[in-house]
Structure formats: C-alpha cells, structure tokens
Amino acid sequence: MYLAASLGFICMGVALAMATFGLWMVIPFAGAEVIFIVLCLYWTLKRLSRKEVITVDEDAIRLEWGYNQPDLTVHLPRHWSRLSYRCTDNLFEVGDLSVSAHGKHYALGRCLNRDEKKALYTELKAALGR
C-alpha cells in the first residue's frame, strides 16, 4: 500500500505540475498509470499469497492448494504414492518435484527455488519413510 501510494503521489504530483503549465492532458494518463500500477501490485500479491499444504498421515497424503482456504484438496494413499524430483544441470532450471499415485501426477512447490525444492524433497522422503 505504501509503494502504491508513494508512486501515485509522485505520478500525480508531476501531472499536476505539468497541468499548471498548460499540459492538462497529462492528468488522465497519469491516473490510468496509477490504476495500472495498483492493479499489477494487487495481482502480484494475490498470486504470491497462494498456499500449498502437504499433510502426511499414517495412511494418506493430503495435498491442499488455495488462498485463504483450500480450493483444491487431493487425498492420496500413502502406500501407492511415489515422490519424484528431477533436476537438470542447467542453472536456470529449478527442477520438477511431484507426487504421483494411480497414474496421476501432482506438482509440488511450484514457487520454490532449486535449494528449497531439494530440502522439501528430502523432508518428504524422510516423512514417507523412503
């Protein structure tokens, strides 16, 4: 909010200063710019607030994805679940971490970097006892 307010204040300040010199057509474009910045910040914050919860029980693995509450929940039988992590030597690749059961694959840790995915893979492997 502070970022959006400060950018809006600066942008509208410059636009109002230019309007005093007769360039009043700058004001609508400056307003559109501020609205665009606020919308982009909102979309970014909404996308970053997505959560992924992985619960490993004695019989099942529960995967939940959502923002404030789970939008999607998947229950996988622990015995039939397989955890996989594939990563190339390319520095720009973060790798693919997934769990699969009954022919369906579910990607895990989409927002994580390479080291975080490796740590998650190690922890899940230990939790699954494999």
N, C-alpha and C. Protein backbone atom coordinates (compact mmCIF):
# COMPACT_ATOMS: atom_id res chain seq x y z
N MET A 1 0.82 -1.20 0.00
CA MET A 1 0.00 0.00 0.00
C MET A 1 0.86 1.25 0.00
N TYR A 2 1.96 1.20 0.78
CA TYR A 2 2.85 2.36 0.82
C TYR A 2 3.51 2.59 -0.54
N LEU A 3 3.89 1.50 -1.20
CA LEU A 3 4.50 1.61 -2.52
C LEU A 3 3.53 2.22 -3.52
N ALA A 4 2.30 1.72 -3.55
CA ALA A 4 1.30 2.24 -4.47
C ALA A 4 0.98 3.70 -4.16
N ALA A 5 0.86 4.03 -2.88
CA ALA A 5 0.55 5.41 -2.50
C ALA A 5 1.68 6.36 -2.87
N SER A 6 2.92 5.94 -2.64
CA SER A 6 4.05 6.82 -2.97
C SER A 6 4.20 7.00 -4.47
N LEU A 7 4.02 5.90 -5.24
CA LEU A 7 4.09 6.04 -6.69
C LEU A 7 2.95 6.90 -7.23
N GLY A 8 1.77 6.73 -6.66
CA GLY A 8 0.62 7.55 -7.07
C GLY A 8 0.83 9.01 -6.73
N PHE A 9 1.36 9.28 -5.54
CA PHE A 9 1.62 10.65 -5.12
C PHE A 9 2.62 11.32 -6.05
N ILE A 10 3.71 10.63 -6.38
CA ILE A 10 4.74 11.19 -7.27
C ILE A 10 4.18 11.41 -8.66
N CYS A 11 3.48 10.40 -9.18
CA CYS A 11 2.94 10.48 -10.54
C CYS A 11 1.92 11.61 -10.66
N MET A 12 1.01 11.69 -9.70
CA MET A 12 0.00 12.75 -9.77
C MET A 12 0.60 14.12 -9.47
N GLY A 13 1.65 14.16 -8.65
CA GLY A 13 2.33 15.43 -8.39
C GLY A 13 2.98 15.98 -9.65
N VAL A 14 3.64 15.10 -10.39
CA VAL A 14 4.25 15.53 -11.66
C VAL A 14 3.17 15.95 -12.65
N ALA A 15 2.06 15.17 -12.71
CA ALA A 15 0.98 15.51 -13.64
C ALA A 15 0.34 16.85 -13.29
N LEU A 16 0.13 17.12 -12.01
CA LEU A 16 -0.45 18.41 -11.62
C LEU A 16 0.51 19.56 -11.88
N ALA A 17 1.80 19.32 -11.69
CA ALA A 17 2.79 20.35 -12.00
C ALA A 17 2.78 20.66 -13.50
N MET A 18 2.66 19.63 -14.32
CA MET A 18 2.62 19.85 -15.77
C MET A 18 1.31 20.54 -16.17
N ALA A 19 0.22 20.24 -15.43
CA ALA A 19 -1.07 20.88 -15.73
C ALA A 19 -1.02 22.38 -15.47
N THR A 20 -0.22 22.80 -14.51
CA THR A 20 -0.11 24.24 -14.24
C THR A 20 0.57 24.97 -15.38
N PHE A 21 1.34 24.23 -16.20
CA PHE A 21 1.98 24.84 -17.36
C PHE A 21 1.15 24.67 -18.63
N GLY A 22 -0.09 24.21 -18.47
CA GLY A 22 -0.98 24.11 -19.62
C GLY A 22 -1.05 22.73 -20.22
N LEU A 23 -0.34 21.78 -19.69
CA LEU A 23 -0.37 20.43 -20.23
C LEU A 23 -1.35 19.57 -19.42
N TRP A 24 -2.61 19.96 -19.42
CA TRP A 24 -3.62 19.30 -18.60
C TRP A 24 -3.98 17.91 -19.09
N MET A 25 -3.66 17.56 -20.33
CA MET A 25 -3.98 16.23 -20.87
C MET A 25 -3.13 15.13 -20.24
N VAL A 26 -2.15 15.51 -19.45
CA VAL A 26 -1.30 14.51 -18.79
C VAL A 26 -2.05 13.87 -17.63
N ILE A 27 -2.99 14.58 -17.02
CA ILE A 27 -3.67 14.09 -15.81
C ILE A 27 -4.43 12.78 -16.04
N PRO A 28 -5.23 12.61 -17.10
CA PRO A 28 -5.92 11.32 -17.28
C PRO A 28 -4.94 10.15 -17.47
N PHE A 29 -3.85 10.40 -18.20
CA PHE A 29 -2.87 9.33 -18.41
C PHE A 29 -2.14 8.99 -17.12
N ALA A 30 -1.88 9.99 -16.31
CA ALA A 30 -1.25 9.72 -15.01
C ALA A 30 -2.19 8.93 -14.11
N GLY A 31 -3.48 9.25 -14.14
CA GLY A 31 -4.47 8.48 -13.38
C GLY A 31 -4.55 7.04 -13.85
N ALA A 32 -4.52 6.85 -15.17
CA ALA A 32 -4.55 5.49 -15.72
C ALA A 32 -3.29 4.72 -15.32
N GLU A 33 -2.17 5.42 -15.28
CA GLU A 33 -0.91 4.78 -14.86
C GLU A 33 -0.97 4.33 -13.40
N VAL A 34 -1.53 5.18 -12.56
CA VAL A 34 -1.65 4.83 -11.14
C VAL A 34 -2.59 3.63 -10.97
N ILE A 35 -3.71 3.63 -11.68
CA ILE A 35 -4.64 2.49 -11.61
C ILE A 35 -3.96 1.21 -12.10
N PHE A 36 -3.21 1.30 -13.17
CA PHE A 36 -2.49 0.14 -13.69
C PHE A 36 -1.47 -0.39 -12.69
N ILE A 37 -0.75 0.49 -12.04
CA ILE A 37 0.24 0.07 -11.03
C ILE A 37 -0.44 -0.62 -9.86
N VAL A 38 -1.55 -0.06 -9.40
CA VAL A 38 -2.28 -0.66 -8.28
C VAL A 38 -2.82 -2.04 -8.67
N LEU A 39 -3.36 -2.19 -9.87
CA LEU A 39 -3.85 -3.49 -10.32
C LEU A 39 -2.73 -4.52 -10.43
N CYS A 40 -1.59 -4.11 -10.97
CA CYS A 40 -0.46 -5.03 -11.08
C CYS A 40 0.05 -5.46 -9.70
N LEU A 41 0.13 -4.55 -8.78
CA LEU A 41 0.54 -4.89 -7.41
C LEU A 41 -0.48 -5.84 -6.76
N TYR A 42 -1.76 -5.61 -6.98
CA TYR A 42 -2.79 -6.48 -6.43
C TYR A 42 -2.67 -7.89 -6.99
N TRP A 43 -2.52 -8.01 -8.31
CA TRP A 43 -2.39 -9.34 -8.93
C TRP A 43 -1.15 -10.07 -8.44
N THR A 44 -0.06 -9.33 -8.28
CA THR A 44 1.18 -9.94 -7.80
C THR A 44 1.02 -10.43 -6.37
N LEU A 45 0.46 -9.61 -5.50
CA LEU A 45 0.27 -10.01 -4.11
C LEU A 45 -0.71 -11.17 -3.99
N LYS A 46 -1.74 -11.18 -4.81
CA LYS A 46 -2.70 -12.29 -4.78
C LYS A 46 -2.02 -13.58 -5.21
N ARG A 47 -1.22 -13.52 -6.25
CA ARG A 47 -0.52 -14.72 -6.72
C ARG A 47 0.50 -15.21 -5.70
N LEU A 48 1.15 -14.30 -5.00
CA LEU A 48 2.14 -14.68 -4.01
C LEU A 48 1.51 -15.21 -2.72
N SER A 49 0.22 -14.95 -2.51
CA SER A 49 -0.41 -15.40 -1.28
C SER A 49 -1.00 -16.81 -1.42
N ARG A 50 -0.81 -17.46 -2.55
CA ARG A 50 -1.30 -18.83 -2.73
C ARG A 50 -0.52 -19.76 -1.82
N LYS A 51 -1.22 -20.65 -1.15
CA LYS A 51 -0.60 -21.56 -0.20
C LYS A 51 -0.73 -23.00 -0.68
N GLU A 52 0.22 -23.79 -0.25
CA GLU A 52 0.22 -25.22 -0.55
C GLU A 52 0.52 -25.95 0.76
N VAL A 53 -0.39 -26.82 1.17
CA VAL A 53 -0.23 -27.55 2.42
C VAL A 53 -0.13 -29.04 2.10
N ILE A 54 0.92 -29.67 2.63
CA ILE A 54 1.14 -31.10 2.44
C ILE A 54 1.07 -31.76 3.82
N THR A 55 0.13 -32.68 3.97
CA THR A 55 -0.03 -33.38 5.24
C THR A 55 0.20 -34.87 5.01
N VAL A 56 1.13 -35.43 5.77
CA VAL A 56 1.43 -36.85 5.65
C VAL A 56 0.92 -37.55 6.90
N ASP A 57 -0.10 -38.41 6.73
CA ASP A 57 -0.65 -39.20 7.82
C ASP A 57 -0.11 -40.63 7.71
N GLU A 58 -0.60 -41.49 8.58
CA GLU A 58 -0.15 -42.88 8.55
C GLU A 58 -0.65 -43.61 7.31
N ASP A 59 -1.85 -43.27 6.84
CA ASP A 59 -2.44 -43.97 5.71
C ASP A 59 -2.51 -43.15 4.43
N ALA A 60 -2.43 -41.84 4.53
CA ALA A 60 -2.68 -41.00 3.36
C ALA A 60 -1.79 -39.78 3.33
N ILE A 61 -1.71 -39.20 2.14
CA ILE A 61 -1.06 -37.91 1.93
C ILE A 61 -2.16 -36.97 1.45
N ARG A 62 -2.29 -35.83 2.12
CA ARG A 62 -3.29 -34.84 1.72
C ARG A 62 -2.59 -33.61 1.18
N LEU A 63 -2.96 -33.23 -0.03
CA LEU A 63 -2.42 -32.05 -0.69
C LEU A 63 -3.53 -31.01 -0.79
N GLU A 64 -3.24 -29.79 -0.37
CA GLU A 64 -4.23 -28.71 -0.43
C GLU A 64 -3.60 -27.48 -1.07
N TRP A 65 -4.35 -26.88 -2.00
CA TRP A 65 -3.92 -25.64 -2.64
C TRP A 65 -5.03 -24.62 -2.49
N GLY A 66 -4.67 -23.36 -2.23
CA GLY A 66 -5.68 -22.32 -2.13
C GLY A 66 -5.10 -21.02 -1.62
N TYR A 67 -5.97 -20.06 -1.44
CA TYR A 67 -5.56 -18.74 -0.97
C TYR A 67 -5.88 -18.61 0.52
N ASN A 68 -7.11 -18.38 0.88
CA ASN A 68 -7.49 -18.27 2.28
C ASN A 68 -7.97 -19.60 2.85
N GLN A 69 -8.48 -20.43 1.99
CA GLN A 69 -8.94 -21.76 2.35
C GLN A 69 -8.63 -22.68 1.17
N PRO A 70 -8.63 -23.98 1.38
CA PRO A 70 -8.29 -24.87 0.28
C PRO A 70 -9.29 -24.80 -0.88
N ASP A 71 -8.79 -24.48 -2.06
CA ASP A 71 -9.62 -24.50 -3.26
C ASP A 71 -9.64 -25.90 -3.86
N LEU A 72 -8.55 -26.63 -3.68
CA LEU A 72 -8.42 -27.97 -4.22
C LEU A 72 -7.76 -28.85 -3.17
N THR A 73 -8.35 -30.00 -2.91
CA THR A 73 -7.80 -30.95 -1.95
C THR A 73 -7.72 -32.31 -2.62
N VAL A 74 -6.56 -32.95 -2.47
CA VAL A 74 -6.34 -34.28 -3.05
C VAL A 74 -5.87 -35.20 -1.94
N HIS A 75 -6.49 -36.37 -1.86
CA HIS A 75 -6.09 -37.40 -0.90
C HIS A 75 -5.45 -38.54 -1.69
N LEU A 76 -4.23 -38.88 -1.34
CA LEU A 76 -3.52 -39.97 -2.00
C LEU A 76 -3.20 -41.06 -0.98
N PRO A 77 -3.34 -42.32 -1.36
CA PRO A 77 -2.94 -43.38 -0.44
C PRO A 77 -1.42 -43.39 -0.28
N ARG A 78 -0.97 -43.39 0.94
CA ARG A 78 0.47 -43.29 1.20
C ARG A 78 1.25 -44.46 0.62
N HIS A 79 0.68 -45.65 0.69
CA HIS A 79 1.39 -46.83 0.22
C HIS A 79 1.64 -46.80 -1.29
N TRP A 80 0.70 -46.25 -2.05
CA TRP A 80 0.82 -46.24 -3.51
C TRP A 80 1.43 -44.95 -4.05
N SER A 81 1.76 -44.02 -3.20
CA SER A 81 2.30 -42.73 -3.65
C SER A 81 3.79 -42.83 -3.92
N ARG A 82 4.21 -42.15 -4.95
CA ARG A 82 5.62 -42.09 -5.32
C ARG A 82 6.05 -40.63 -5.43
N LEU A 83 7.15 -40.32 -4.78
CA LEU A 83 7.70 -38.97 -4.79
C LEU A 83 8.85 -38.93 -5.79
N SER A 84 8.88 -37.90 -6.62
CA SER A 84 9.97 -37.79 -7.60
C SER A 84 10.46 -36.35 -7.69
N TYR A 85 11.75 -36.24 -7.92
CA TYR A 85 12.37 -34.93 -8.12
C TYR A 85 13.36 -35.07 -9.26
N ARG A 86 13.13 -34.33 -10.32
CA ARG A 86 14.02 -34.35 -11.49
C ARG A 86 14.56 -32.93 -11.68
N CYS A 87 15.88 -32.86 -11.80
CA CYS A 87 16.51 -31.55 -11.99
C CYS A 87 17.71 -31.72 -12.92
N THR A 88 17.80 -30.87 -13.91
CA THR A 88 18.92 -30.90 -14.82
C THR A 88 20.06 -30.06 -14.26
N ASP A 89 21.20 -30.08 -14.94
CA ASP A 89 22.35 -29.30 -14.51
C ASP A 89 22.26 -27.84 -14.95
N ASN A 90 21.23 -27.49 -15.69
CA ASN A 90 21.05 -26.12 -16.15
C ASN A 90 20.78 -25.21 -14.95
N LEU A 91 21.53 -24.13 -14.86
CA LEU A 91 21.39 -23.20 -13.73
C LEU A 91 20.05 -22.49 -13.70
N PHE A 92 19.37 -22.43 -14.83
CA PHE A 92 18.10 -21.72 -14.90
C PHE A 92 16.91 -22.62 -14.62
N GLU A 93 17.13 -23.90 -14.44
CA GLU A 93 16.07 -24.85 -14.13
C GLU A 93 15.97 -25.04 -12.62
N VAL A 94 14.77 -25.06 -12.09
CA VAL A 94 14.58 -25.29 -10.66
C VAL A 94 14.21 -26.74 -10.37
N GLY A 95 13.87 -27.49 -11.38
CA GLY A 95 13.52 -28.89 -11.21
C GLY A 95 12.03 -29.09 -11.05
N ASP A 96 11.64 -30.35 -11.14
CA ASP A 96 10.24 -30.72 -11.01
C ASP A 96 10.08 -31.67 -9.83
N LEU A 97 9.34 -31.24 -8.85
CA LEU A 97 9.03 -32.05 -7.68
C LEU A 97 7.56 -32.43 -7.78
N SER A 98 7.28 -33.73 -7.69
CA SER A 98 5.89 -34.17 -7.80
C SER A 98 5.67 -35.43 -7.00
N VAL A 99 4.41 -35.64 -6.69
CA VAL A 99 3.98 -36.88 -6.05
C VAL A 99 2.92 -37.48 -6.97
N SER A 100 2.95 -38.77 -7.11
CA SER A 100 2.01 -39.42 -8.01
C SER A 100 1.44 -40.67 -7.37
N ALA A 101 0.22 -40.99 -7.78
CA ALA A 101 -0.46 -42.20 -7.35
C ALA A 101 -1.57 -42.49 -8.36
N HIS A 102 -1.73 -43.75 -8.67
CA HIS A 102 -2.79 -44.20 -9.58
C HIS A 102 -2.74 -43.48 -10.93
N GLY A 103 -1.55 -43.21 -11.43
CA GLY A 103 -1.38 -42.61 -12.74
C GLY A 103 -1.57 -41.10 -12.80
N LYS A 104 -1.80 -40.46 -11.69
CA LYS A 104 -1.97 -39.00 -11.67
C LYS A 104 -0.77 -38.38 -10.97
N HIS A 105 -0.26 -37.30 -11.55
CA HIS A 105 0.89 -36.59 -11.01
C HIS A 105 0.45 -35.22 -10.51
N TYR A 106 0.98 -34.84 -9.34
CA TYR A 106 0.65 -33.53 -8.76
C TYR A 106 1.96 -32.80 -8.47
N ALA A 107 2.13 -31.63 -9.07
CA ALA A 107 3.34 -30.84 -8.88
C ALA A 107 3.32 -30.21 -7.49
N LEU A 108 4.48 -30.20 -6.86
CA LEU A 108 4.63 -29.62 -5.53
C LEU A 108 5.66 -28.50 -5.57
N GLY A 109 5.48 -27.49 -4.74
CA GLY A 109 6.46 -26.42 -4.60
C GLY A 109 6.73 -25.63 -5.85
N ARG A 110 5.69 -25.25 -6.54
CA ARG A 110 5.88 -24.52 -7.81
C ARG A 110 6.58 -23.18 -7.62
N CYS A 111 6.44 -22.57 -6.45
CA CYS A 111 7.04 -21.25 -6.23
C CYS A 111 8.40 -21.34 -5.54
N LEU A 112 8.93 -22.54 -5.35
CA LEU A 112 10.19 -22.71 -4.65
C LEU A 112 11.37 -22.69 -5.61
N ASN A 113 12.53 -22.30 -5.10
CA ASN A 113 13.74 -22.36 -5.91
C ASN A 113 14.37 -23.75 -5.79
N ARG A 114 15.50 -23.95 -6.44
CA ARG A 114 16.13 -25.27 -6.51
C ARG A 114 16.49 -25.82 -5.13
N ASP A 115 17.14 -25.01 -4.30
CA ASP A 115 17.56 -25.47 -2.98
C ASP A 115 16.36 -25.78 -2.08
N GLU A 116 15.32 -24.95 -2.17
CA GLU A 116 14.13 -25.19 -1.36
C GLU A 116 13.41 -26.46 -1.80
N LYS A 117 13.38 -26.72 -3.12
CA LYS A 117 12.76 -27.96 -3.61
C LYS A 117 13.55 -29.18 -3.17
N LYS A 118 14.88 -29.08 -3.18
CA LYS A 118 15.69 -30.20 -2.70
C LYS A 118 15.44 -30.46 -1.22
N ALA A 119 15.33 -29.40 -0.43
CA ALA A 119 15.06 -29.55 1.01
C ALA A 119 13.68 -30.16 1.23
N LEU A 120 12.68 -29.70 0.48
CA LEU A 120 11.34 -30.26 0.60
C LEU A 120 11.32 -31.73 0.19
N TYR A 121 12.04 -32.06 -0.87
CA TYR A 121 12.12 -33.45 -1.31
C TYR A 121 12.74 -34.32 -0.22
N THR A 122 13.80 -33.84 0.40
CA THR A 122 14.46 -34.60 1.46
C THR A 122 13.53 -34.80 2.65
N GLU A 123 12.81 -33.75 3.04
CA GLU A 123 11.90 -33.84 4.18
C GLU A 123 10.72 -34.77 3.88
N LEU A 124 10.15 -34.66 2.67
CA LEU A 124 9.04 -35.53 2.32
C LEU A 124 9.48 -36.98 2.19
N LYS A 125 10.67 -37.19 1.67
CA LYS A 125 11.22 -38.55 1.55
C LYS A 125 11.38 -39.17 2.94
N ALA A 126 11.85 -38.38 3.90
CA ALA A 126 12.00 -38.87 5.27
C ALA A 126 10.63 -39.10 5.91
N ALA A 127 9.66 -38.23 5.64
CA ALA A 127 8.32 -38.39 6.21
C ALA A 127 7.61 -39.62 5.65
N LEU A 128 7.89 -39.92 4.39
CA LEU A 128 7.26 -41.09 3.77
C LEU A 128 8.02 -42.38 4.12
N GLY A 129 9.21 -42.23 4.69
CA GLY A 129 9.98 -43.41 5.08
C GLY A 129 10.63 -44.12 3.92
N ARG A 130 11.04 -43.36 2.91
CA ARG A 130 11.67 -43.98 1.73
C ARG A 130 13.04 -43.43 1.49
